[in-house]
Amino acid sequence: VNQSSGAEILLFINSFSTGQRTFVT
């Protein structure tokens, strides 16, 4: 959210350095 105007944009999380969402430490 833009605190001044109230405008909204969407964020999608889609990139991981682990290569995928499941990894082994």
PDB file of all heavy atoms in Angstrom:
ATOM      1  N   VAL A   1       0.838  -1.203   0.000  1.00  0.00           N
ATOM      2  CA  VAL A   1       0.000   0.000   0.000  1.00  0.00           C
ATOM      3  C   VAL A   1       0.870   1.249   0.000  1.00  0.00           C
ATOM      4  O   VAL A   1       1.857   1.346   0.735  1.00  0.00           O
ATOM      5  CB  VAL A   1      -0.935  -0.001   1.239  1.00  0.00           C
ATOM      6  CG1 VAL A   1      -1.787   1.261   1.271  1.00  0.00           C
ATOM      7  CG2 VAL A   1      -1.808  -1.234   1.249  1.00  0.00           C
ATOM      8  N   ASN A   2       0.459   2.218  -0.818  1.00  0.00           N
ATOM      9  CA  ASN A   2       1.074   3.537  -0.819  1.00  0.00           C
ATOM     10  C   ASN A   2       0.426   4.315   0.325  1.00  0.00           C
ATOM     11  O   ASN A   2      -0.785   4.562   0.306  1.00  0.00           O
ATOM     12  CB  ASN A   2       0.829   4.222  -2.162  1.00  0.00           C
ATOM     13  CG  ASN A   2       1.472   5.588  -2.250  1.00  0.00           C
ATOM     14  OD1 ASN A   2       1.507   6.339  -1.277  1.00  0.00           O
ATOM     15  ND2 ASN A   2       1.972   5.904  -3.433  1.00  0.00           N
ATOM     16  N   GLN A   3       1.207   4.694   1.306  1.00  0.00           N
ATOM     17  CA  GLN A   3       0.665   5.354   2.497  1.00  0.00           C
ATOM     18  C   GLN A   3       0.077   6.730   2.180  1.00  0.00           C
ATOM     19  O   GLN A   3      -0.811   7.203   2.885  1.00  0.00           O
ATOM     20  CB  GLN A   3       1.743   5.472   3.578  1.00  0.00           C
ATOM     21  CG  GLN A   3       2.268   4.136   4.068  1.00  0.00           C
ATOM     22  CD  GLN A   3       1.192   3.223   4.628  1.00  0.00           C
ATOM     23  OE1 GLN A   3       0.328   3.643   5.374  1.00  0.00           O
ATOM     24  NE2 GLN A   3       1.227   1.960   4.248  1.00  0.00           N
ATOM     25  N   SER A   4       0.536   7.374   1.121  1.00  0.00           N
ATOM     26  CA  SER A   4       0.028   8.704   0.765  1.00  0.00           C
ATOM     27  C   SER A   4      -1.304   8.639   0.023  1.00  0.00           C
ATOM     28  O   SER A   4      -2.246   9.353   0.345  1.00  0.00           O
ATOM     29  CB  SER A   4       1.042   9.448  -0.109  1.00  0.00           C
ATOM     30  OG  SER A   4       2.259   9.578   0.583  1.00  0.00           O
ATOM     31  N   SER A   5      -1.359   7.778  -1.017  1.00  0.00           N
ATOM     32  CA  SER A   5      -2.548   7.759  -1.878  1.00  0.00           C
ATOM     33  C   SER A   5      -3.490   6.583  -1.609  1.00  0.00           C
ATOM     34  O   SER A   5      -4.622   6.588  -2.070  1.00  0.00           O
ATOM     35  CB  SER A   5      -2.114   7.714  -3.346  1.00  0.00           C
ATOM     36  OG  SER A   5      -1.513   6.458  -3.634  1.00  0.00           O
ATOM     37  N   GLY A   6      -3.012   5.566  -0.926  1.00  0.00           N
ATOM     38  CA  GLY A   6      -3.827   4.374  -0.697  1.00  0.00           C
ATOM     39  C   GLY A   6      -3.820   3.411  -1.872  1.00  0.00           C
ATOM     40  O   GLY A   6      -4.497   2.379  -1.832  1.00  0.00           O
ATOM     41  N   ALA A   7      -3.060   3.726  -2.920  1.00  0.00           N
ATOM     42  CA  ALA A   7      -2.976   2.837  -4.083  1.00  0.00           C
ATOM     43  C   ALA A   7      -2.347   1.509  -3.653  1.00  0.00           C
ATOM     44  O   ALA A   7      -1.566   1.449  -2.709  1.00  0.00           O
ATOM     45  CB  ALA A   7      -2.142   3.496  -5.179  1.00  0.00           C
ATOM     46  N   GLU A   8      -2.714   0.453  -4.373  1.00  0.00           N
ATOM     47  CA  GLU A   8      -2.239  -0.878  -4.028  1.00  0.00           C
ATOM     48  C   GLU A   8      -1.586  -1.552  -5.227  1.00  0.00           C
ATOM     49  O   GLU A   8      -2.024  -1.367  -6.364  1.00  0.00           O
ATOM     50  CB  GLU A   8      -3.398  -1.763  -3.545  1.00  0.00           C
ATOM     51  CG  GLU A   8      -4.067  -1.271  -2.297  1.00  0.00           C
ATOM     52  CD  GLU A   8      -5.234  -2.149  -1.872  1.00  0.00           C
ATOM     53  OE1 GLU A   8      -5.679  -3.019  -2.670  1.00  0.00           O
ATOM     54  OE2 GLU A   8      -5.704  -1.974  -0.737  1.00  0.00           O
ATOM     55  N   ILE A   9      -0.546  -2.336  -4.955  1.00  0.00           N
ATOM     56  CA  ILE A   9       0.058  -3.205  -5.960  1.00  0.00           C
ATOM     57  C   ILE A   9       0.256  -4.576  -5.316  1.00  0.00           C
ATOM     58  O   ILE A   9       0.331  -4.701  -4.087  1.00  0.00           O
ATOM     59  CB  ILE A   9       1.382  -2.642  -6.527  1.00  0.00           C
ATOM     60  CG1 ILE A   9       2.387  -2.333  -5.417  1.00  0.00           C
ATOM     61  CG2 ILE A   9       1.143  -1.420  -7.361  1.00  0.00           C
ATOM     62  CD1 ILE A   9       3.725  -1.842  -5.924  1.00  0.00           C
ATOM     63  N   LEU A  10       0.327  -5.602  -6.149  1.00  0.00           N
ATOM     64  CA  LEU A  10       0.465  -6.967  -5.651  1.00  0.00           C
ATOM     65  C   LEU A  10       1.920  -7.416  -5.680  1.00  0.00           C
ATOM     66  O   LEU A  10       2.670  -7.091  -6.610  1.00  0.00           O
ATOM     67  CB  LEU A  10      -0.360  -7.938  -6.497  1.00  0.00           C
ATOM     68  CG  LEU A  10      -1.870  -7.871  -6.336  1.00  0.00           C
ATOM     69  CD1 LEU A  10      -2.544  -8.856  -7.283  1.00  0.00           C
ATOM     70  CD2 LEU A  10      -2.268  -8.166  -4.901  1.00  0.00           C
ATOM     71  N   LEU A  11       2.280  -8.185  -4.672  1.00  0.00           N
ATOM     72  CA  LEU A  11       3.602  -8.798  -4.571  1.00  0.00           C
ATOM     73  C   LEU A  11       3.424 -10.306  -4.583  1.00  0.00           C
ATOM     74  O   LEU A  11       2.587 -10.844  -3.857  1.00  0.00           O
ATOM     75  CB  LEU A  11       4.293  -8.367  -3.266  1.00  0.00           C
ATOM     76  CG  LEU A  11       5.533  -9.164  -2.846  1.00  0.00           C
ATOM     77  CD1 LEU A  11       6.667  -8.976  -3.845  1.00  0.00           C
ATOM     78  CD2 LEU A  11       5.976  -8.763  -1.446  1.00  0.00           C
ATOM     79  N   PHE A  12       4.241 -10.984  -5.403  1.00  0.00           N
ATOM     80  CA  PHE A  12       4.284 -12.445  -5.438  1.00  0.00           C
ATOM     81  C   PHE A  12       5.705 -12.886  -5.090  1.00  0.00           C
ATOM     82  O   PHE A  12       6.671 -12.379  -5.665  1.00  0.00           O
ATOM     83  CB  PHE A  12       3.923 -12.974  -6.834  1.00  0.00           C
ATOM     84  CG  PHE A  12       2.534 -12.607  -7.261  1.00  0.00           C
ATOM     85  CD1 PHE A  12       2.298 -11.441  -7.971  1.00  0.00           C
ATOM     86  CD2 PHE A  12       1.470 -13.429  -6.936  1.00  0.00           C
ATOM     87  CE1 PHE A  12       1.019 -11.097  -8.359  1.00  0.00           C
ATOM     88  CE2 PHE A  12       0.178 -13.089  -7.323  1.00  0.00           C
ATOM     89  CZ  PHE A  12      -0.050 -11.923  -8.032  1.00  0.00           C
ATOM     90  N   ILE A  13       5.839 -13.813  -4.155  1.00  0.00           N
ATOM     91  CA  ILE A  13       7.152 -14.362  -3.794  1.00  0.00           C
ATOM     92  C   ILE A  13       7.380 -15.571  -4.695  1.00  0.00           C
ATOM     93  O   ILE A  13       6.583 -16.501  -4.700  1.00  0.00           O
ATOM     94  CB  ILE A  13       7.186 -14.780  -2.301  1.00  0.00           C
ATOM     95  CG1 ILE A  13       6.881 -13.581  -1.411  1.00  0.00           C
ATOM     96  CG2 ILE A  13       8.514 -15.425  -1.955  1.00  0.00           C
ATOM     97  CD1 ILE A  13       7.859 -12.432  -1.553  1.00  0.00           C
ATOM     98  N   ASN A  14       8.496 -15.555  -5.469  1.00  0.00           N
ATOM     99  CA  ASN A  14       8.640 -16.609  -6.469  1.00  0.00           C
ATOM    100  C   ASN A  14      10.072 -17.021  -6.802  1.00  0.00           C
ATOM    101  O   ASN A  14      10.295 -17.694  -7.791  1.00  0.00           O
ATOM    102  CB  ASN A  14       7.935 -16.181  -7.755  1.00  0.00           C
ATOM    103  CG  ASN A  14       8.414 -14.840  -8.258  1.00  0.00           C
ATOM    104  OD1 ASN A  14       9.443 -14.343  -7.838  1.00  0.00           O
ATOM    105  ND2 ASN A  14       7.650 -14.251  -9.159  1.00  0.00           N
ATOM    106  N   SER A  15      11.047 -16.621  -6.004  1.00  0.00           N
ATOM    107  CA  SER A  15      12.424 -16.931  -6.344  1.00  0.00           C
ATOM    108  C   SER A  15      13.202 -17.237  -5.071  1.00  0.00           C
ATOM    109  O   SER A  15      13.230 -16.421  -4.147  1.00  0.00           O
ATOM    110  CB  SER A  15      13.034 -15.728  -7.075  1.00  0.00           C
ATOM    111  OG  SER A  15      14.388 -15.909  -7.322  1.00  0.00           O
ATOM    112  N   PHE A  16      13.828 -18.423  -5.016  1.00  0.00           N
ATOM    113  CA  PHE A  16      14.540 -18.856  -3.815  1.00  0.00           C
ATOM    114  C   PHE A  16      15.951 -19.319  -4.168  1.00  0.00           C
ATOM    115  O   PHE A  16      16.129 -20.062  -5.133  1.00  0.00           O
ATOM    116  CB  PHE A  16      13.799 -20.021  -3.136  1.00  0.00           C
ATOM    117  CG  PHE A  16      12.411 -19.659  -2.694  1.00  0.00           C
ATOM    118  CD1 PHE A  16      11.328 -19.828  -3.541  1.00  0.00           C
ATOM    119  CD2 PHE A  16      12.190 -19.148  -1.427  1.00  0.00           C
ATOM    120  CE1 PHE A  16      10.046 -19.491  -3.133  1.00  0.00           C
ATOM    121  CE2 PHE A  16      10.911 -18.809  -1.013  1.00  0.00           C
ATOM    122  CZ  PHE A  16       9.841 -18.975  -1.868  1.00  0.00           C
ATOM    123  N   SER A  17      16.935 -18.906  -3.370  1.00  0.00           N
ATOM    124  CA  SER A  17      18.307 -19.336  -3.617  1.00  0.00           C
ATOM    125  C   SER A  17      18.475 -20.832  -3.386  1.00  0.00           C
ATOM    126  O   SER A  17      19.438 -21.426  -3.857  1.00  0.00           O
ATOM    127  CB  SER A  17      19.288 -18.570  -2.721  1.00  0.00           C
ATOM    128  OG  SER A  17      19.004 -18.799  -1.352  1.00  0.00           O
ATOM    129  N   THR A  18      17.545 -21.437  -2.674  1.00  0.00           N
ATOM    130  CA  THR A  18      17.593 -22.879  -2.431  1.00  0.00           C
ATOM    131  C   THR A  18      17.138 -23.661  -3.663  1.00  0.00           C
ATOM    132  O   THR A  18      17.211 -24.878  -3.676  1.00  0.00           O
ATOM    133  CB  THR A  18      16.699 -23.244  -1.232  1.00  0.00           C
ATOM    134  OG1 THR A  18      15.376 -22.769  -1.497  1.00  0.00           O
ATOM    135  CG2 THR A  18      17.219 -22.629   0.040  1.00  0.00           C
ATOM    136  N   GLY A  19      16.654 -22.938  -4.691  1.00  0.00           N
ATOM    137  CA  GLY A  19      16.206 -23.573  -5.926  1.00  0.00           C
ATOM    138  C   GLY A  19      14.761 -24.015  -5.876  1.00  0.00           C
ATOM    139  O   GLY A  19      14.106 -24.125  -6.888  1.00  0.00           O
ATOM    140  N   GLN A  20      14.276 -24.288  -4.706  1.00  0.00           N
ATOM    141  CA  GLN A  20      12.891 -24.704  -4.524  1.00  0.00           C
ATOM    142  C   GLN A  20      12.468 -24.369  -3.106  1.00  0.00           C
ATOM    143  O   GLN A  20      13.260 -23.884  -2.316  1.00  0.00           O
ATOM    144  CB  GLN A  20      12.731 -26.186  -4.806  1.00  0.00           C
ATOM    145  CG  GLN A  20      13.675 -27.054  -4.002  1.00  0.00           C
ATOM    146  CD  GLN A  20      13.719 -28.474  -4.527  1.00  0.00           C
ATOM    147  OE1 GLN A  20      13.072 -28.806  -5.500  1.00  0.00           O
ATOM    148  NE2 GLN A  20      14.470 -29.325  -3.880  1.00  0.00           N
ATOM    149  N   ARG A  21      11.239 -24.659  -2.770  1.00  0.00           N
ATOM    150  CA  ARG A  21      10.719 -24.311  -1.444  1.00  0.00           C
ATOM    151  C   ARG A  21      11.064 -25.340  -0.377  1.00  0.00           C
ATOM    152  O   ARG A  21      10.824 -25.104   0.793  1.00  0.00           O
ATOM    153  CB  ARG A  21       9.207 -24.122  -1.521  1.00  0.00           C
ATOM    154  CG  ARG A  21       8.836 -22.893  -2.316  1.00  0.00           C
ATOM    155  CD  ARG A  21       7.327 -22.783  -2.470  1.00  0.00           C
ATOM    156  NE  ARG A  21       6.986 -21.697  -3.343  1.00  0.00           N
ATOM    157  CZ  ARG A  21       6.568 -20.504  -2.930  1.00  0.00           C
ATOM    158  NH1 ARG A  21       6.425 -20.275  -1.660  1.00  0.00           N
ATOM    159  NH2 ARG A  21       6.277 -19.565  -3.792  1.00  0.00           N
ATOM    160  N   THR A  22      11.604 -26.473  -0.736  1.00  0.00           N
ATOM    161  CA  THR A  22      12.049 -27.466   0.239  1.00  0.00           C
ATOM    162  C   THR A  22      13.548 -27.653   0.065  1.00  0.00           C
ATOM    163  O   THR A  22      14.036 -27.828  -1.048  1.00  0.00           O
ATOM    164  CB  THR A  22      11.320 -28.813   0.024  1.00  0.00           C
ATOM    165  OG1 THR A  22       9.916 -28.602   0.160  1.00  0.00           O
ATOM    166  CG2 THR A  22      11.767 -29.843   1.042  1.00  0.00           C
ATOM    167  N   PHE A  23      14.272 -27.602   1.183  1.00  0.00           N
ATOM    168  CA  PHE A  23      15.722 -27.752   1.125  1.00  0.00           C
ATOM    169  C   PHE A  23      16.235 -28.422   2.387  1.00  0.00           C
ATOM    170  O   PHE A  23      15.528 -28.533   3.382  1.00  0.00           O
ATOM    171  CB  PHE A  23      16.409 -26.394   0.902  1.00  0.00           C
ATOM    172  CG  PHE A  23      16.268 -25.436   2.057  1.00  0.00           C
ATOM    173  CD1 PHE A  23      17.288 -25.292   2.985  1.00  0.00           C
ATOM    174  CD2 PHE A  23      15.126 -24.664   2.215  1.00  0.00           C
ATOM    175  CE1 PHE A  23      17.168 -24.399   4.047  1.00  0.00           C
ATOM    176  CE2 PHE A  23      14.994 -23.770   3.264  1.00  0.00           C
ATOM    177  CZ  PHE A  23      16.023 -23.641   4.182  1.00  0.00           C
ATOM    178  N   VAL A  24      17.486 -28.869   2.334  1.00  0.00           N
ATOM    179  CA  VAL A  24      18.158 -29.489   3.474  1.00  0.00           C
ATOM    180  C   VAL A  24      19.254 -28.539   3.930  1.00  0.00           C
ATOM    181  O   VAL A  24      20.050 -28.056   3.114  1.00  0.00           O
ATOM    182  CB  VAL A  24      18.770 -30.854   3.080  1.00  0.00           C
ATOM    183  CG1 VAL A  24      19.523 -31.460   4.250  1.00  0.00           C
ATOM    184  CG2 VAL A  24      17.690 -31.793   2.574  1.00  0.00           C
ATOM    185  N   THR A  25      19.298 -28.252   5.237  1.00  0.00           N
ATOM    186  CA  THR A  25      20.309 -27.335   5.747  1.00  0.00           C
ATOM    187  C   THR A  25      21.702 -27.917   5.546  1.00  0.00           C
ATOM    188  O   THR A  25      21.917 -29.114   5.729  1.00  0.00           O
ATOM    189  CB  THR A  25      20.074 -27.017   7.240  1.00  0.00           C
ATOM    190  OG1 THR A  25      20.076 -28.230   7.978  1.00  0.00           O
ATOM    191  CG2 THR A  25      18.760 -26.279   7.439  1.00  0.00           C
TER     192      THR A  25
END
